[in-house]
Amino acid sequence: QVLHTSLSLPNVLSIDPATLAKRVLELPGVVHVRGDMACDAAVEQMVALAPFSVVVSDASVDFQEVLTKIVEALSKANKLLKDGTSNRALLTTPSVIVITLKLPRKSKTSIDKNLKLALHALSKEVQTMMTWVGQASPVEKVATPQPEEPLVDFKILHLMANSACERTCVIRFRRKTITP
């Protein structure tokens, strides 16, 4: 809800097996794919509704499992979009992916170890994620007229809303822009 209002990014995809709060579902541009996010029905729903400005997952599963599932599901959707006649992008430019990482234990040693694993896993998946990003939106002034690789950065944060063994991963995709 906060991301939708504060970032002004219009199309939000929530992928989570749990129920999404009614107040969030009622926001314009928010869609929720519930259940197994990598199943064919979920992927078809993503394809029908793409492109997205924000993808959010707060699934209550281990961080490695949720990251694997998200990459698998969004890669399937992206492949269908690219193979189809429309050649649409899965993600807009700019776009953001927000994933709640559920860590197995609360001890500092365990959290540190698992955060290193999460950073390593994310670093490996970023190249795949970059293929999901479309060209710059008409609103964005791009520095070069040729298509270029999107810029990506990510952070793992401990937000006030996170429990002791949760962290929030924010992955941001954008393109070089001309500054006036």
C-alpha atoms as a PDB file:
ATOM      1  CA  GLN A   1       0.000   0.000   0.000  1.00  0.00           C
ATOM      2  CA  VAL A   2       2.800   2.412   0.909  1.00  0.00           C
ATOM      3  CA  LEU A   3       4.753   1.600  -2.265  1.00  0.00           C
ATOM      4  CA  HIS A   4       1.708   2.140  -4.451  1.00  0.00           C
ATOM      5  CA  THR A   5       0.991   5.567  -3.013  1.00  0.00           C
ATOM      6  CA  SER A   6       4.486   6.919  -2.412  1.00  0.00           C
ATOM      7  CA  LEU A   7       6.243   5.758  -5.599  1.00  0.00           C
ATOM      8  CA  SER A   8       3.418   6.533  -8.047  1.00  0.00           C
ATOM      9  CA  LEU A   9       4.235   3.400 -10.019  1.00  0.00           C
ATOM     10  CA  PRO A  10       0.902   2.369 -11.546  1.00  0.00           C
ATOM     11  CA  ASN A  11       0.811  -1.415 -12.069  1.00  0.00           C
ATOM     12  CA  VAL A  12       1.530  -3.490  -8.966  1.00  0.00           C
ATOM     13  CA  LEU A  13       1.712  -7.291  -8.947  1.00  0.00           C
ATOM     14  CA  SER A  14       1.492  -9.083  -5.613  1.00  0.00           C
ATOM     15  CA  ILE A  15       2.538 -12.729  -5.852  1.00  0.00           C
ATOM     16  CA  ASP A  16       1.838 -14.589  -2.656  1.00  0.00           C
ATOM     17  CA  PRO A  17      -0.053 -17.733  -1.689  1.00  0.00           C
ATOM     18  CA  ALA A  18      -1.803 -15.879   1.140  1.00  0.00           C
ATOM     19  CA  THR A  19      -4.787 -13.536   1.025  1.00  0.00           C
ATOM     20  CA  LEU A  20      -4.010  -9.896   0.264  1.00  0.00           C
ATOM     21  CA  ALA A  21      -5.586  -7.228   2.461  1.00  0.00           C
ATOM     22  CA  LYS A  22      -8.820  -5.842   0.984  1.00  0.00           C
ATOM     23  CA  ARG A  23      -7.623  -2.223   1.341  1.00  0.00           C
ATOM     24  CA  VAL A  24      -4.615  -3.067  -0.856  1.00  0.00           C
ATOM     25  CA  LEU A  25      -6.614  -5.043  -3.429  1.00  0.00           C
ATOM     26  CA  GLU A  26      -8.950  -2.084  -3.838  1.00  0.00           C
ATOM     27  CA  LEU A  27      -6.123   0.258  -4.863  1.00  0.00           C
ATOM     28  CA  PRO A  28      -6.198   1.041  -8.593  1.00  0.00           C
ATOM     29  CA  GLY A  29      -3.661  -0.968 -10.591  1.00  0.00           C
ATOM     30  CA  VAL A  30      -3.012  -3.606  -7.904  1.00  0.00           C
ATOM     31  CA  VAL A  31      -3.424  -7.252  -8.903  1.00  0.00           C
ATOM     32  CA  HIS A  32      -2.842 -10.323  -6.781  1.00  0.00           C
ATOM     33  CA  VAL A  33      -1.734 -13.691  -8.118  1.00  0.00           C
ATOM     34  CA  ARG A  34      -2.542 -16.125  -5.347  1.00  0.00           C
ATOM     35  CA  GLY A  35      -1.361 -19.693  -4.942  1.00  0.00           C
ATOM     36  CA  ASP A  36       1.679 -21.353  -6.469  1.00  0.00           C
ATOM     37  CA  MET A  37       3.247 -18.454  -8.333  1.00  0.00           C
ATOM     38  CA  ALA A  38       5.029 -20.711 -10.848  1.00  0.00           C
ATOM     39  CA  CYS A  39       1.988 -22.761 -11.864  1.00  0.00           C
ATOM     40  CA  ASP A  40       0.683 -22.308 -15.414  1.00  0.00           C
ATOM     41  CA  ALA A  41      -2.508 -20.508 -14.326  1.00  0.00           C
ATOM     42  CA  ALA A  42      -0.564 -17.945 -12.278  1.00  0.00           C
ATOM     43  CA  VAL A  43       1.938 -17.372 -15.094  1.00  0.00           C
ATOM     44  CA  GLU A  44      -0.892 -16.918 -17.620  1.00  0.00           C
ATOM     45  CA  GLN A  45      -2.501 -14.358 -15.317  1.00  0.00           C
ATOM     46  CA  MET A  46       0.802 -12.441 -15.079  1.00  0.00           C
ATOM     47  CA  VAL A  47       1.168 -12.470 -18.871  1.00  0.00           C
ATOM     48  CA  ALA A  48      -2.374 -11.157 -19.356  1.00  0.00           C
ATOM     49  CA  LEU A  49      -1.807  -8.270 -16.924  1.00  0.00           C
ATOM     50  CA  ALA A  50       1.815  -7.283 -17.750  1.00  0.00           C
ATOM     51  CA  PRO A  51       3.703  -4.970 -17.732  1.00  0.00           C
ATOM     52  CA  PHE A  52       4.211  -4.235 -14.042  1.00  0.00           C
ATOM     53  CA  SER A  53       5.924  -1.318 -12.314  1.00  0.00           C
ATOM     54  CA  VAL A  54       6.170  -3.076  -8.958  1.00  0.00           C
ATOM     55  CA  VAL A  55       6.311  -6.764  -8.040  1.00  0.00           C
ATOM     56  CA  VAL A  56       5.855  -7.599  -4.357  1.00  0.00           C
ATOM     57  CA  SER A  57       6.113 -10.921  -2.549  1.00  0.00           C
ATOM     58  CA  ASP A  58       5.662 -11.406   1.167  1.00  0.00           C
ATOM     59  CA  ALA A  59       5.354 -15.194   1.006  1.00  0.00           C
ATOM     60  CA  SER A  60       5.954 -16.935   4.324  1.00  0.00           C
ATOM     61  CA  VAL A  61       8.556 -19.357   3.025  1.00  0.00           C
ATOM     62  CA  ASP A  62      12.331 -19.618   3.243  1.00  0.00           C
ATOM     63  CA  PHE A  63      14.133 -16.850   1.326  1.00  0.00           C
ATOM     64  CA  GLN A  64      15.869 -19.287  -1.045  1.00  0.00           C
ATOM     65  CA  GLU A  65      12.569 -20.924  -1.955  1.00  0.00           C
ATOM     66  CA  VAL A  66      10.750 -17.634  -2.539  1.00  0.00           C
ATOM     67  CA  LEU A  67      13.581 -16.222  -4.653  1.00  0.00           C
ATOM     68  CA  THR A  68      13.700 -19.400  -6.748  1.00  0.00           C
ATOM     69  CA  LYS A  69       9.914 -19.385  -7.216  1.00  0.00           C
ATOM     70  CA  ILE A  70       9.807 -15.696  -8.157  1.00  0.00           C
ATOM     71  CA  VAL A  71      12.598 -16.050 -10.709  1.00  0.00           C
ATOM     72  CA  GLU A  72      11.007 -19.206 -12.129  1.00  0.00           C
ATOM     73  CA  ALA A  73       7.523 -17.677 -12.388  1.00  0.00           C
ATOM     74  CA  LEU A  74       8.577 -14.316 -13.792  1.00  0.00           C
ATOM     75  CA  SER A  75      11.008 -15.951 -16.232  1.00  0.00           C
ATOM     76  CA  LYS A  76       8.184 -18.157 -17.546  1.00  0.00           C
ATOM     77  CA  ALA A  77       5.914 -15.131 -17.911  1.00  0.00           C
ATOM     78  CA  ASN A  78       8.665 -13.135 -19.610  1.00  0.00           C
ATOM     79  CA  LYS A  79       9.334 -15.970 -22.078  1.00  0.00           C
ATOM     80  CA  LEU A  80       5.645 -16.142 -23.007  1.00  0.00           C
ATOM     81  CA  LEU A  81       5.541 -12.364 -23.473  1.00  0.00           C
ATOM     82  CA  LYS A  82       8.651 -12.343 -25.670  1.00  0.00           C
ATOM     83  CA  ASP A  83       7.554 -15.382 -27.709  1.00  0.00           C
ATOM     84  CA  GLY A  84       4.077 -13.984 -28.326  1.00  0.00           C
ATOM     85  CA  THR A  85       3.046 -11.631 -31.094  1.00  0.00           C
ATOM     86  CA  SER A  86       2.918  -8.594 -28.811  1.00  0.00           C
ATOM     87  CA  ASN A  87       6.563  -8.786 -27.653  1.00  0.00           C
ATOM     88  CA  ARG A  88       5.567  -6.938 -24.461  1.00  0.00           C
ATOM     89  CA  ALA A  89       7.853  -6.479 -21.488  1.00  0.00           C
ATOM     90  CA  LEU A  90       7.132  -8.015 -18.104  1.00  0.00           C
ATOM     91  CA  LEU A  91       8.425  -4.963 -16.193  1.00  0.00           C
ATOM     92  CA  THR A  92       8.258  -1.282 -17.040  1.00  0.00           C
ATOM     93  CA  THR A  93      11.117   1.152 -16.754  1.00  0.00           C
ATOM     94  CA  PRO A  94      11.486   2.180 -13.985  1.00  0.00           C
ATOM     95  CA  SER A  95      10.344  -0.777 -11.894  1.00  0.00           C
ATOM     96  CA  VAL A  96      10.887  -2.264  -8.454  1.00  0.00           C
ATOM     97  CA  ILE A  97      10.765  -5.784  -7.028  1.00  0.00           C
ATOM     98  CA  VAL A  98      10.235  -6.073  -3.275  1.00  0.00           C
ATOM     99  CA  ILE A  99      10.662  -9.440  -1.572  1.00  0.00           C
ATOM    100  CA  THR A 100      10.357 -10.233   2.115  1.00  0.00           C
ATOM    101  CA  LEU A 101      13.170 -12.604   3.019  1.00  0.00           C
ATOM    102  CA  LYS A 102      12.245 -15.037   5.786  1.00  0.00           C
ATOM    103  CA  LEU A 103      15.426 -16.160   7.530  1.00  0.00           C
ATOM    104  CA  PRO A 104      15.440 -19.482   9.418  1.00  0.00           C
ATOM    105  CA  ARG A 105      16.783 -18.302  12.806  1.00  0.00           C
ATOM    106  CA  LYS A 106      17.045 -15.137  14.887  1.00  0.00           C
ATOM    107  CA  SER A 107      20.645 -15.423  16.096  1.00  0.00           C
ATOM    108  CA  LYS A 108      23.069 -12.828  14.749  1.00  0.00           C
ATOM    109  CA  THR A 109      25.382 -15.550  13.408  1.00  0.00           C
ATOM    110  CA  SER A 110      22.533 -17.262  11.545  1.00  0.00           C
ATOM    111  CA  ILE A 111      21.168 -13.981  10.173  1.00  0.00           C
ATOM    112  CA  ASP A 112      24.629 -12.867   8.985  1.00  0.00           C
ATOM    113  CA  LYS A 113      25.259 -16.238   7.327  1.00  0.00           C
ATOM    114  CA  ASN A 114      21.860 -16.268   5.612  1.00  0.00           C
ATOM    115  CA  LEU A 115      22.142 -12.651   4.463  1.00  0.00           C
ATOM    116  CA  LYS A 116      25.422 -13.547   2.751  1.00  0.00           C
ATOM    117  CA  LEU A 117      23.664 -16.464   1.066  1.00  0.00           C
ATOM    118  CA  ALA A 118      20.803 -14.165   0.018  1.00  0.00           C
ATOM    119  CA  LEU A 119      23.194 -11.582  -1.431  1.00  0.00           C
ATOM    120  CA  HIS A 120      25.039 -14.295  -3.347  1.00  0.00           C
ATOM    121  CA  ALA A 121      21.771 -15.746  -4.698  1.00  0.00           C
ATOM    122  CA  LEU A 122      20.483 -12.291  -5.700  1.00  0.00           C
ATOM    123  CA  SER A 123      23.740 -11.425  -7.449  1.00  0.00           C
ATOM    124  CA  LYS A 124      23.384 -14.573  -9.569  1.00  0.00           C
ATOM    125  CA  GLU A 125      19.734 -13.837 -10.485  1.00  0.00           C
ATOM    126  CA  VAL A 126      20.107 -10.139 -11.368  1.00  0.00           C
ATOM    127  CA  GLN A 127      21.177 -10.876 -14.970  1.00  0.00           C
ATOM    128  CA  THR A 128      18.009 -12.917 -15.468  1.00  0.00           C
ATOM    129  CA  MET A 129      15.878 -10.205 -13.881  1.00  0.00           C
ATOM    130  CA  MET A 130      17.331  -7.560 -16.195  1.00  0.00           C
ATOM    131  CA  THR A 131      15.859  -9.410 -19.197  1.00  0.00           C
ATOM    132  CA  TRP A 132      12.363  -8.806 -17.811  1.00  0.00           C
ATOM    133  CA  VAL A 133      12.663  -5.003 -18.112  1.00  0.00           C
ATOM    134  CA  GLY A 134      11.176  -3.182 -21.095  1.00  0.00           C
ATOM    135  CA  GLN A 135      12.310   0.006 -22.732  1.00  0.00           C
ATOM    136  CA  ALA A 136      11.953   3.382 -21.066  1.00  0.00           C
ATOM    137  CA  SER A 137       8.444   4.674 -20.545  1.00  0.00           C
ATOM    138  CA  PRO A 138       7.423   7.714 -22.643  1.00  0.00           C
ATOM    139  CA  VAL A 139       7.539   9.863 -19.501  1.00  0.00           C
ATOM    140  CA  GLU A 140      11.197   9.041 -18.853  1.00  0.00           C
ATOM    141  CA  LYS A 141      13.792  11.029 -20.813  1.00  0.00           C
ATOM    142  CA  VAL A 142      16.438   8.579 -21.894  1.00  0.00           C
ATOM    143  CA  ALA A 143      20.022   9.675 -22.455  1.00  0.00           C
ATOM    144  CA  THR A 144      20.480   7.624 -25.632  1.00  0.00           C
ATOM    145  CA  PRO A 145      17.906   6.676 -28.255  1.00  0.00           C
ATOM    146  CA  GLN A 146      19.320   3.119 -28.600  1.00  0.00           C
ATOM    147  CA  PRO A 147      18.109   0.334 -26.341  1.00  0.00           C
ATOM    148  CA  GLU A 148      20.557  -0.260 -23.539  1.00  0.00           C
ATOM    149  CA  GLU A 149      20.795  -2.595 -20.607  1.00  0.00           C
ATOM    150  CA  PRO A 150      18.798  -1.388 -17.632  1.00  0.00           C
ATOM    151  CA  LEU A 151      20.641  -0.180 -14.573  1.00  0.00           C
ATOM    152  CA  VAL A 152      19.909  -2.282 -11.520  1.00  0.00           C
ATOM    153  CA  ASP A 153      20.701  -1.954  -7.857  1.00  0.00           C
ATOM    154  CA  PHE A 154      19.439  -3.801  -4.836  1.00  0.00           C
ATOM    155  CA  LYS A 155      19.550  -3.565  -1.082  1.00  0.00           C
ATOM    156  CA  ILE A 156      18.550  -5.822   1.752  1.00  0.00           C
ATOM    157  CA  LEU A 157      17.047  -3.792   4.577  1.00  0.00           C
ATOM    158  CA  HIS A 158      15.759  -4.439   8.080  1.00  0.00           C
ATOM    159  CA  LEU A 159      12.606  -2.360   8.165  1.00  0.00           C
ATOM    160  CA  MET A 160      10.570  -1.597  11.252  1.00  0.00           C
ATOM    161  CA  ALA A 161       7.784  -3.823   9.907  1.00  0.00           C
ATOM    162  CA  ASN A 162      10.157  -6.800   9.661  1.00  0.00           C
ATOM    163  CA  SER A 163      10.383  -9.330  12.472  1.00  0.00           C
ATOM    164  CA  ALA A 164      13.775 -10.151  13.977  1.00  0.00           C
ATOM    165  CA  CYS A 165      14.365 -12.861  11.360  1.00  0.00           C
ATOM    166  CA  GLU A 166      12.954 -11.036   8.322  1.00  0.00           C
ATOM    167  CA  ARG A 167      14.564  -8.634   5.900  1.00  0.00           C
ATOM    168  CA  THR A 168      13.192  -6.759   2.900  1.00  0.00           C
ATOM    169  CA  CYS A 169      14.981  -6.953  -0.420  1.00  0.00           C
ATOM    170  CA  VAL A 170      14.405  -4.046  -2.809  1.00  0.00           C
ATOM    171  CA  ILE A 171      15.585  -4.416  -6.418  1.00  0.00           C
ATOM    172  CA  ARG A 172      15.327  -1.310  -8.601  1.00  0.00           C
ATOM    173  CA  PHE A 173      15.512  -1.220 -12.400  1.00  0.00           C
ATOM    174  CA  ARG A 174      15.955   2.023 -14.331  1.00  0.00           C
ATOM    175  CA  ARG A 175      17.739   3.501 -17.329  1.00  0.00           C
ATOM    176  CA  LYS A 176      20.173   6.350 -17.687  1.00  0.00           C
ATOM    177  CA  THR A 177      18.204   9.547 -17.832  1.00  0.00           C
ATOM    178  CA  ILE A 178      19.000  13.039 -18.968  1.00  0.00           C
ATOM    179  CA  THR A 179      19.058  15.481 -16.089  1.00  0.00           C
ATOM    180  CA  PRO A 180      17.741  18.910 -17.031  1.00  0.00           C
END
